[in-house]
């Protein structure tokens, strides 16, 4: 693979990583909002569970990219 193609691929992975970070923040905020607005509602869990499932997938994808791109801060110390 050429160096340019390699850089393009790495750039795309970094963009995906950034999008995952934004998504993680957004979903976490949504869960907090739902918990505040539906504190004693039985619907709260029904609404939150799919969001938490997606949040878990996002975190997993993000972790995979961190490893692939050597972004783990502990390894760099």
Protein backbone atom coordinates (compact mmCIF):
# COMPACT_ATOMS: atom_id res chain seq x y z
CA UNK A 1 0.00 0.00 0.00
CA UNK A 2 1.36 3.43 -0.87
CA UNK A 3 2.17 5.91 1.83
CA UNK A 4 -0.61 8.24 0.62
CA UNK A 5 -3.19 5.46 0.78
CA UNK A 6 -1.94 4.48 4.20
CA UNK A 7 -2.30 8.06 5.43
CA UNK A 8 -5.78 8.32 3.95
CA UNK A 9 -6.81 5.16 5.73
CA UNK A 10 -5.36 6.35 9.02
CA UNK A 11 -7.07 9.72 8.56
CA UNK A 12 -10.41 7.99 7.99
CA UNK A 13 -9.93 5.88 11.11
CA UNK A 14 -9.15 8.98 13.14
CA UNK A 15 -12.27 10.69 11.81
CA UNK A 16 -14.30 7.63 12.78
CA UNK A 17 -12.71 7.70 16.22
CA UNK A 18 -13.69 11.36 16.66
CA UNK A 19 -17.26 10.60 15.57
CA UNK A 20 -17.42 7.78 18.09
CA UNK A 21 -16.29 10.14 20.84
CA UNK A 22 -19.00 12.65 19.92
CA UNK A 23 -21.58 9.88 19.75
CA UNK A 24 -20.53 8.55 23.13
CA UNK A 25 -20.91 11.99 24.69
CA UNK A 26 -24.27 12.56 23.02
CA UNK A 27 -25.72 9.19 24.06
CA UNK A 28 -24.42 9.63 27.62
CA UNK A 29 -26.08 13.04 27.80
CA UNK A 30 -29.34 11.57 26.52
CA UNK A 31 -29.31 8.87 29.17
CA UNK A 32 -28.73 11.50 31.87
CA UNK A 33 -31.58 13.62 30.52
CA UNK A 34 -33.95 10.66 30.42
CA UNK A 35 -33.03 9.69 33.97
CA UNK A 36 -33.74 13.23 35.14
CA UNK A 37 -37.01 13.59 33.24
CA UNK A 38 -38.39 10.11 33.97
CA UNK A 39 -37.04 9.51 37.45
CA UNK A 40 -39.82 7.34 38.79
CA UNK A 41 -41.27 6.17 35.52
CA UNK A 42 -41.32 2.47 34.56
CA UNK A 43 -40.73 3.64 30.98
CA UNK A 44 -37.34 4.96 31.94
CA UNK A 45 -35.61 1.59 31.68
CA UNK A 46 -37.44 0.70 28.51
CA UNK A 47 -36.13 3.89 26.93
CA UNK A 48 -32.63 3.75 28.38
CA UNK A 49 -31.70 0.11 27.72
CA UNK A 50 -31.39 0.39 23.91
CA UNK A 51 -29.37 3.58 24.31
CA UNK A 52 -27.04 1.89 26.78
CA UNK A 53 -26.66 -1.04 24.40
CA UNK A 54 -25.64 1.31 21.62
CA UNK A 55 -23.34 3.17 23.97
CA UNK A 56 -21.63 -0.10 24.83
CA UNK A 57 -21.08 -0.85 21.14
CA UNK A 58 -19.67 2.62 20.58
CA UNK A 59 -17.24 2.19 23.46
CA UNK A 60 -16.13 -1.16 22.08
CA UNK A 61 -15.59 0.28 18.58
CA UNK A 62 -13.70 3.19 20.09
CA UNK A 63 -11.47 0.89 22.10
CA UNK A 64 -10.69 -1.16 18.99
CA UNK A 65 -9.67 1.98 17.12
CA UNK A 66 -7.60 3.19 20.07
CA UNK A 67 -5.64 -0.04 19.97
CA UNK A 68 -5.31 -0.03 16.20
CA UNK A 69 -4.13 3.59 16.12
CA UNK A 70 -1.98 3.27 19.25
CA UNK A 71 -3.97 5.93 21.06
CA UNK A 72 -3.87 4.31 24.45
CA UNK A 73 -2.41 6.98 26.73
CA UNK A 74 -1.06 4.51 29.27
CA UNK A 75 1.11 2.87 26.63
CA UNK A 76 2.63 6.20 25.65
CA UNK A 77 3.86 7.09 29.13
